[in-house]
Amino acid sequence: MHWLTRAFVAALAVGLSGCALVVERPDVAIGTGSRSGAYYPLGDSICRLFNLERLRDGERCVAAPSAGPVANVEWLRSGRTDIGIVQSDVLADAAAGAGPFTGRGPDTGLRVLFAGHAEAFTLVVRRELGIRSASELRGTRINMGSPGSGERIAMARVMSALGVTQQDFAAVHELSRAEQHRALCDNELDAMVYSVGHPDGLIRDALRMCGGVLVDVSGPPIDAMLARHPEYKRAVIPGNTYVDNPFDVQTLGVRAVIVATVQLPDRLAYEITKAVFDNLEDFRRLHPVFAMLSTADMMAGPGSVPIHPGAARYYLERGWDATKTP
């Protein structure tokens, strides 16, 4: 049994033996996302590594399911959580007081620890419709993404870039990831959207079991959108990532960013960052979308949000340059 597995089993046994550990506020709480997405396992993986490193000191980290990145920013602001996993586009909006945070003013208290996996904006459409591009979606029954989700924000921007309004669709829904998957399979939807790292189990099922196909999100209007919103990057879903999808799919993407506030003590920010990077090989094995992550991918740069001093101290000790934006 690998040392990480043995240690985690021991840690779990200790936690279950003391009821106080179940009800007390953890030392570090991480806002994640739904249990069916990649944010919850990302937060849980960070906590596992931190808990193993800090077990002897009795400190504990817990991953908290949430409604998504917008909720995670609100939880950070209220102090409900200490760390949140936020898509790079949502983070840019929060820092600027834009998008879903319009009227709140720029948030100057956010700080970045490091970046996680890349997430491709992924459109799945029923195969029989013959649609191959996002520009062909008019007249379909579409899911725009649940309110407050990264998918909803990105979808609104993509549709605006393409000159498409909600009135151009036959029906518009606001379903969660799990709900939209069921609706596509039941022929209640023609198209649905994910922002996700690949490969993804729900998308695999939608393509194989429900007659879905991946479509491109590209072209001059999307290029213009990327120029206006540098928090998005061009992305490719490689051909043969999924059965019966042999060709590369051109799209755009964001990155999951691990974010705290100035209220998180430098020591804890340092220990969280250290636990992940010192055990990066173990971290990569904890979820398929982490498998190809490198130190360069995860290095947190300032961008629109400064790096947390605790994380910066760890990077400095390793002799790493943390000046690039995730």
Protein backbone atom coordinates (compact mmCIF):
# COMPACT_ATOMS: atom_id res chain seq x y z
CA MET A 1 0.00 0.00 0.00
CA HIS A 2 1.36 3.40 -1.01
CA TRP A 3 2.44 5.66 1.89
CA LEU A 4 -0.22 8.24 0.96
CA THR A 5 -2.99 5.64 1.10
CA ARG A 6 -1.76 4.21 4.43
CA ALA A 7 -1.46 7.62 6.00
CA PHE A 8 -4.87 8.73 4.76
CA VAL A 9 -6.55 5.61 6.16
CA ALA A 10 -4.87 6.31 9.51
CA ALA A 11 -5.97 9.94 9.41
CA LEU A 12 -9.53 8.91 8.59
CA ALA A 13 -9.56 6.51 11.52
CA VAL A 14 -8.40 9.24 13.87
CA GLY A 15 -11.08 11.59 12.55
CA LEU A 16 -13.85 9.05 13.00
CA SER A 17 -12.75 8.23 16.53
CA GLY A 18 -13.36 11.75 17.81
CA CYS A 19 -16.81 13.27 17.42
CA ALA A 20 -15.43 16.73 18.18
CA LEU A 21 -13.51 16.66 14.89
CA VAL A 22 -16.78 16.19 13.01
CA VAL A 23 -18.55 19.26 14.44
CA GLU A 24 -15.74 21.74 15.02
CA ARG A 25 -14.88 24.40 12.44
CA PRO A 26 -11.85 23.12 10.50
CA ASP A 27 -8.65 25.13 10.45
CA VAL A 28 -8.99 25.45 6.68
CA ALA A 29 -12.28 25.21 4.75
CA ILE A 30 -12.15 25.13 0.93
CA GLY A 31 -15.19 26.10 -1.17
CA THR A 32 -15.36 23.78 -4.18
CA GLY A 33 -18.37 22.93 -6.37
CA SER A 34 -20.83 20.10 -6.91
CA ARG A 35 -19.65 16.59 -6.05
CA SER A 36 -20.19 15.57 -9.70
CA GLY A 37 -17.68 18.13 -11.01
CA ALA A 38 -13.89 18.43 -10.75
CA TYR A 39 -13.76 21.22 -8.14
CA TYR A 40 -14.84 19.05 -5.24
CA PRO A 41 -12.14 16.39 -5.86
CA LEU A 42 -9.62 19.21 -6.40
CA GLY A 43 -10.40 20.73 -3.01
CA ASP A 44 -10.56 17.31 -1.38
CA SER A 45 -7.16 16.38 -2.84
CA ILE A 46 -5.60 19.59 -1.51
CA CYS A 47 -7.06 18.87 1.92
CA ARG A 48 -5.82 15.27 1.92
CA LEU A 49 -2.25 16.37 1.32
CA PHE A 50 -2.47 19.18 3.89
CA ASN A 51 -4.04 16.90 6.50
CA LEU A 52 -1.33 14.29 6.07
CA GLU A 53 1.40 16.89 6.42
CA ARG A 54 -0.22 18.55 9.44
CA LEU A 55 -1.71 15.51 11.19
CA ARG A 56 0.86 15.56 13.97
CA ASP A 57 -0.09 19.20 14.74
CA GLY A 58 -3.82 18.48 14.82
CA GLU A 59 -4.71 20.90 12.03
CA ARG A 60 -7.48 19.93 9.66
CA CYS A 61 -8.68 20.97 6.19
CA VAL A 62 -12.15 20.18 4.81
CA ALA A 63 -13.55 20.55 1.27
CA ALA A 64 -17.05 22.07 1.23
CA PRO A 65 -19.44 21.46 -1.72
CA SER A 66 -20.82 24.71 -3.14
CA ALA A 67 -22.89 26.17 -5.97
CA GLY A 68 -19.72 27.04 -7.90
CA PRO A 69 -17.14 29.78 -8.38
CA VAL A 70 -19.40 32.79 -7.82
CA ALA A 71 -20.61 31.30 -4.54
CA ASN A 72 -17.00 30.56 -3.59
CA VAL A 73 -16.07 34.23 -3.97
CA GLU A 74 -19.04 35.22 -1.80
CA TRP A 75 -18.06 32.63 0.82
CA LEU A 76 -14.53 34.02 0.90
CA ARG A 77 -15.86 37.54 1.38
CA SER A 78 -18.12 36.45 4.25
CA GLY A 79 -15.46 34.33 5.94
CA ARG A 80 -17.49 31.14 5.57
CA THR A 81 -14.48 29.54 3.87
CA ASP A 82 -10.76 30.30 3.91
CA ILE A 83 -9.97 29.19 0.37
CA GLY A 84 -12.10 28.94 -2.77
CA ILE A 85 -11.67 27.32 -6.17
CA VAL A 86 -12.57 29.92 -8.78
CA GLN A 87 -12.43 29.91 -12.57
CA SER A 88 -10.00 32.48 -13.96
CA ASP A 89 -12.79 34.40 -15.74
CA VAL A 90 -14.89 34.63 -12.57
CA LEU A 91 -11.80 35.68 -10.61
CA ALA A 92 -11.11 38.50 -13.10
CA ASP A 93 -14.72 39.67 -12.77
CA ALA A 94 -14.51 39.66 -8.96
CA ALA A 95 -11.27 41.64 -9.01
CA ALA A 96 -12.79 44.20 -11.39
CA GLY A 97 -16.27 44.33 -9.86
CA ALA A 98 -17.69 43.21 -13.23
CA GLY A 99 -20.02 40.50 -14.53
CA PRO A 100 -21.93 38.88 -11.64
CA PHE A 101 -20.12 41.22 -9.22
CA THR A 102 -21.22 44.46 -10.89
CA GLY A 103 -22.21 46.97 -8.24
CA ARG A 104 -19.95 45.45 -5.60
CA GLY A 105 -16.85 47.33 -6.68
CA PRO A 106 -13.42 45.79 -7.24
CA ASP A 107 -12.45 43.17 -4.66
CA THR A 108 -8.97 44.13 -3.51
CA GLY A 109 -8.74 41.48 -0.78
CA LEU A 110 -8.41 38.38 -2.97
CA ARG A 111 -5.08 36.57 -3.17
CA VAL A 112 -3.94 33.64 -5.36
CA LEU A 113 -2.18 30.54 -3.99
CA PHE A 114 -1.70 28.49 -7.17
CA ALA A 115 -3.53 27.27 -10.26
CA GLY A 116 -5.14 23.93 -10.91
CA HIS A 117 -6.21 22.18 -14.10
CA ALA A 118 -7.27 23.84 -17.35
CA GLU A 119 -10.96 23.69 -18.23
CA ALA A 120 -12.24 23.70 -21.78
CA PHE A 121 -15.55 25.34 -22.63
CA THR A 122 -17.31 22.28 -24.00
CA LEU A 123 -20.51 22.20 -26.05
CA VAL A 124 -22.30 18.85 -26.46
CA VAL A 125 -25.06 18.73 -29.08
CA ARG A 126 -27.36 15.91 -30.18
CA ARG A 127 -25.66 14.19 -33.11
CA GLU A 128 -28.75 13.96 -35.33
CA LEU A 129 -28.94 17.77 -35.59
CA GLY A 130 -25.77 17.85 -37.69
CA ILE A 131 -24.42 20.91 -35.82
CA ARG A 132 -20.65 21.33 -35.91
CA SER A 133 -20.18 24.88 -34.58
CA ALA A 134 -21.56 27.08 -31.80
CA SER A 135 -22.66 29.56 -34.48
CA GLU A 136 -25.30 27.02 -35.63
CA LEU A 137 -27.16 26.75 -32.32
CA ARG A 138 -30.07 29.08 -33.14
CA GLY A 139 -33.42 27.34 -32.85
CA THR A 140 -32.24 24.62 -30.46
CA ARG A 141 -33.29 23.75 -26.93
CA ILE A 142 -30.24 24.74 -24.94
CA ASN A 143 -28.98 24.68 -21.38
CA MET A 144 -27.14 27.91 -20.52
CA GLY A 145 -25.73 26.58 -17.24
CA SER A 146 -26.97 26.92 -13.68
CA PRO A 147 -27.10 30.47 -12.19
CA GLY A 148 -23.75 31.51 -10.72
CA SER A 149 -21.82 28.81 -12.56
CA GLY A 150 -18.75 29.40 -14.67
CA GLU A 151 -20.54 27.76 -17.58
CA ARG A 152 -23.33 30.33 -17.43
CA ILE A 153 -20.91 33.26 -17.46
CA ALA A 154 -18.83 31.89 -20.33
CA MET A 155 -21.91 30.84 -22.32
CA ALA A 156 -23.41 34.33 -22.09
CA ARG A 157 -20.17 35.82 -23.41
CA VAL A 158 -19.88 33.29 -26.23
CA MET A 159 -23.46 33.88 -27.34
CA SER A 160 -22.97 37.65 -27.18
CA ALA A 161 -19.83 37.36 -29.29
CA LEU A 162 -21.80 35.35 -31.87
CA GLY A 163 -24.67 37.85 -31.87
CA VAL A 164 -27.11 35.31 -30.45
CA THR A 165 -29.76 36.17 -27.84
CA GLN A 166 -31.95 33.92 -25.71
CA GLN A 167 -34.87 34.73 -28.00
CA ASP A 168 -33.02 32.95 -30.81
CA PHE A 169 -33.42 29.56 -29.07
CA ALA A 170 -36.45 27.29 -29.08
CA ALA A 171 -36.08 26.86 -25.30
CA VAL A 172 -33.55 28.01 -22.68
CA HIS A 173 -32.85 26.08 -19.46
CA GLU A 174 -30.73 26.71 -16.35
CA LEU A 175 -29.98 23.16 -15.27
CA SER A 176 -27.10 21.84 -13.19
CA ARG A 177 -24.51 19.54 -14.77
CA ALA A 178 -26.20 16.37 -13.58
CA GLU A 179 -29.68 17.62 -14.57
CA GLN A 180 -28.60 18.65 -18.07
CA HIS A 181 -27.00 15.26 -18.62
CA ARG A 182 -30.29 13.53 -17.84
CA ALA A 183 -32.25 16.01 -19.98
CA LEU A 184 -30.02 15.44 -23.02
CA CYS A 185 -30.37 11.68 -22.65
CA ASP A 186 -34.16 12.03 -22.37
CA ASN A 187 -34.28 14.22 -25.53
CA GLU A 188 -35.43 17.24 -23.54
CA LEU A 189 -32.34 19.23 -24.61
CA ASP A 190 -30.51 19.68 -27.89
CA ALA A 191 -27.35 21.27 -26.50
CA MET A 192 -25.58 21.63 -23.16
CA VAL A 193 -22.39 23.24 -21.93
CA TYR A 194 -19.59 22.29 -19.53
CA SER A 195 -16.44 24.05 -18.42
CA VAL A 196 -14.37 21.04 -17.46
CA GLY A 197 -11.04 19.28 -17.60
CA HIS A 198 -10.83 16.37 -20.00
CA PRO A 199 -11.42 13.46 -19.99
CA ASP A 200 -14.70 13.80 -18.05
CA GLY A 201 -17.05 10.97 -17.09
CA LEU A 202 -20.31 12.84 -17.64
CA ILE A 203 -19.25 13.97 -21.10
CA ARG A 204 -18.11 10.46 -21.97
CA ASP A 205 -21.54 9.14 -21.02
CA ALA A 206 -23.36 11.91 -22.92
CA LEU A 207 -21.42 11.09 -26.09
CA ARG A 208 -21.57 7.29 -25.88
CA MET A 209 -24.99 6.71 -24.30
CA CYS A 210 -27.03 9.75 -25.30
CA GLY A 211 -26.02 10.44 -28.89
CA GLY A 212 -24.01 13.59 -28.23
CA VAL A 213 -21.18 15.13 -30.25
CA LEU A 214 -18.61 17.83 -29.42
CA VAL A 215 -18.76 21.04 -31.48
CA ASP A 216 -16.27 23.83 -32.20
CA VAL A 217 -16.37 27.20 -30.45
CA SER A 218 -14.09 29.19 -32.73
CA GLY A 219 -13.92 31.73 -35.54
CA PRO A 220 -13.39 35.52 -35.83
CA PRO A 221 -16.13 36.53 -33.34
CA ILE A 222 -14.59 34.24 -30.72
CA ASP A 223 -11.12 35.62 -31.51
CA ALA A 224 -12.47 39.12 -30.85
CA MET A 225 -13.97 37.94 -27.56
CA LEU A 226 -10.63 36.48 -26.48
CA ALA A 227 -8.95 39.81 -27.23
CA ARG A 228 -11.45 41.58 -24.98
CA HIS A 229 -11.24 38.95 -22.22
CA PRO A 230 -7.63 37.77 -21.75
CA GLU A 231 -8.73 35.58 -18.83
CA TYR A 232 -9.90 33.13 -21.53
CA LYS A 233 -7.37 31.25 -23.65
CA ARG A 234 -7.66 29.20 -26.83
CA ALA A 235 -8.04 25.51 -26.05
CA VAL A 236 -8.23 22.22 -27.91
CA ILE A 237 -10.00 19.01 -26.92
CA PRO A 238 -7.73 16.46 -28.64
CA GLY A 239 -9.23 14.03 -31.10
CA ASN A 240 -9.92 10.55 -29.71
CA THR A 241 -10.22 11.85 -26.17
CA TYR A 242 -13.67 10.28 -26.49
CA VAL A 243 -14.89 7.37 -28.63
CA ASP A 244 -16.49 8.46 -31.94
CA ASN A 245 -14.96 11.96 -31.65
CA PRO A 246 -11.77 11.46 -33.69
CA PHE A 247 -11.01 15.09 -34.58
CA ASP A 248 -9.61 17.97 -32.52
CA VAL A 249 -12.28 20.34 -31.22
CA GLN A 250 -11.33 24.03 -31.19
CA THR A 251 -12.69 25.99 -28.27
CA LEU A 252 -11.68 28.35 -25.45
CA GLY A 253 -10.75 27.66 -21.88
CA VAL A 254 -10.13 28.90 -18.38
CA ARG A 255 -8.08 27.61 -15.49
CA ALA A 256 -9.21 26.63 -12.00
CA VAL A 257 -7.45 28.94 -9.54
CA ILE A 258 -7.02 28.33 -5.82
CA VAL A 259 -7.81 31.63 -4.13
CA ALA A 260 -7.76 32.99 -0.58
CA THR A 261 -8.03 36.46 0.92
CA VAL A 262 -5.69 38.67 2.90
CA GLN A 263 -7.32 37.20 6.02
CA LEU A 264 -5.70 33.78 5.50
CA PRO A 265 -2.58 33.71 7.72
CA ASP A 266 0.69 33.59 5.79
CA ARG A 267 1.65 30.39 7.63
CA LEU A 268 -1.43 28.50 6.46
CA ALA A 269 -1.08 29.77 2.88
CA TYR A 270 2.53 28.58 2.93
CA GLU A 271 1.63 25.15 4.37
CA ILE A 272 -1.21 24.57 1.86
CA THR A 273 1.04 25.48 -1.06
CA LYS A 274 3.90 23.39 0.30
CA ALA A 275 1.70 20.34 0.88
CA VAL A 276 0.63 20.30 -2.78
CA PHE A 277 3.94 21.08 -4.49
CA ASP A 278 6.05 18.90 -2.20
CA ASN A 279 3.76 15.96 -3.03
CA LEU A 280 2.99 16.80 -6.66
CA GLU A 281 3.38 13.22 -7.91
CA ASP A 282 0.83 12.01 -5.36
CA PHE A 283 -1.46 14.94 -6.22
CA ARG A 284 -1.42 14.00 -9.92
CA ARG A 285 -2.66 10.51 -9.09
CA LEU A 286 -5.71 11.70 -7.16
CA HIS A 287 -7.86 12.61 -10.21
CA PRO A 288 -7.52 12.05 -13.99
CA VAL A 289 -7.61 15.78 -14.86
CA PHE A 290 -4.59 16.40 -12.59
CA ALA A 291 -2.45 13.74 -14.27
CA MET A 292 -0.67 16.01 -16.75
CA LEU A 293 -0.25 19.06 -14.50
CA SER A 294 3.26 20.45 -14.20
CA THR A 295 4.84 22.96 -11.86
CA ALA A 296 4.81 25.48 -14.72
CA ASP A 297 1.05 24.96 -15.19
CA MET A 298 0.34 25.57 -11.53
CA MET A 299 2.61 28.51 -10.81
CA ALA A 300 0.46 31.38 -9.62
CA GLY A 301 1.21 34.75 -11.17
CA PRO A 302 -0.26 38.09 -10.13
CA GLY A 303 -2.45 38.88 -13.15
CA SER A 304 -5.42 40.86 -11.86
CA VAL A 305 -5.08 39.34 -8.38
CA PRO A 306 -1.84 39.42 -6.32
CA ILE A 307 -0.19 36.26 -5.11
CA HIS A 308 -0.63 35.50 -1.39
CA PRO A 309 2.56 36.32 0.60
CA GLY A 310 2.57 32.84 2.14
CA ALA A 311 2.53 31.17 -1.28
CA ALA A 312 5.13 33.65 -2.56
CA ARG A 313 7.45 32.67 0.31
CA TYR A 314 7.23 29.00 -0.71
CA TYR A 315 7.96 29.84 -4.36
CA LEU A 316 10.94 31.96 -3.33
CA GLU A 317 12.34 29.11 -1.23
CA ARG A 318 12.12 26.80 -4.24
CA GLY A 319 13.75 29.39 -6.50
CA TRP A 320 10.70 29.54 -8.77
CA ASP A 321 9.49 32.50 -10.82
CA ALA A 322 5.88 33.25 -9.90
CA THR A 323 5.40 36.18 -12.27
CA LYS A 324 3.28 34.43 -14.91
CA THR A 325 -0.49 34.53 -14.85
CA PRO A 326 -2.26 31.13 -14.45
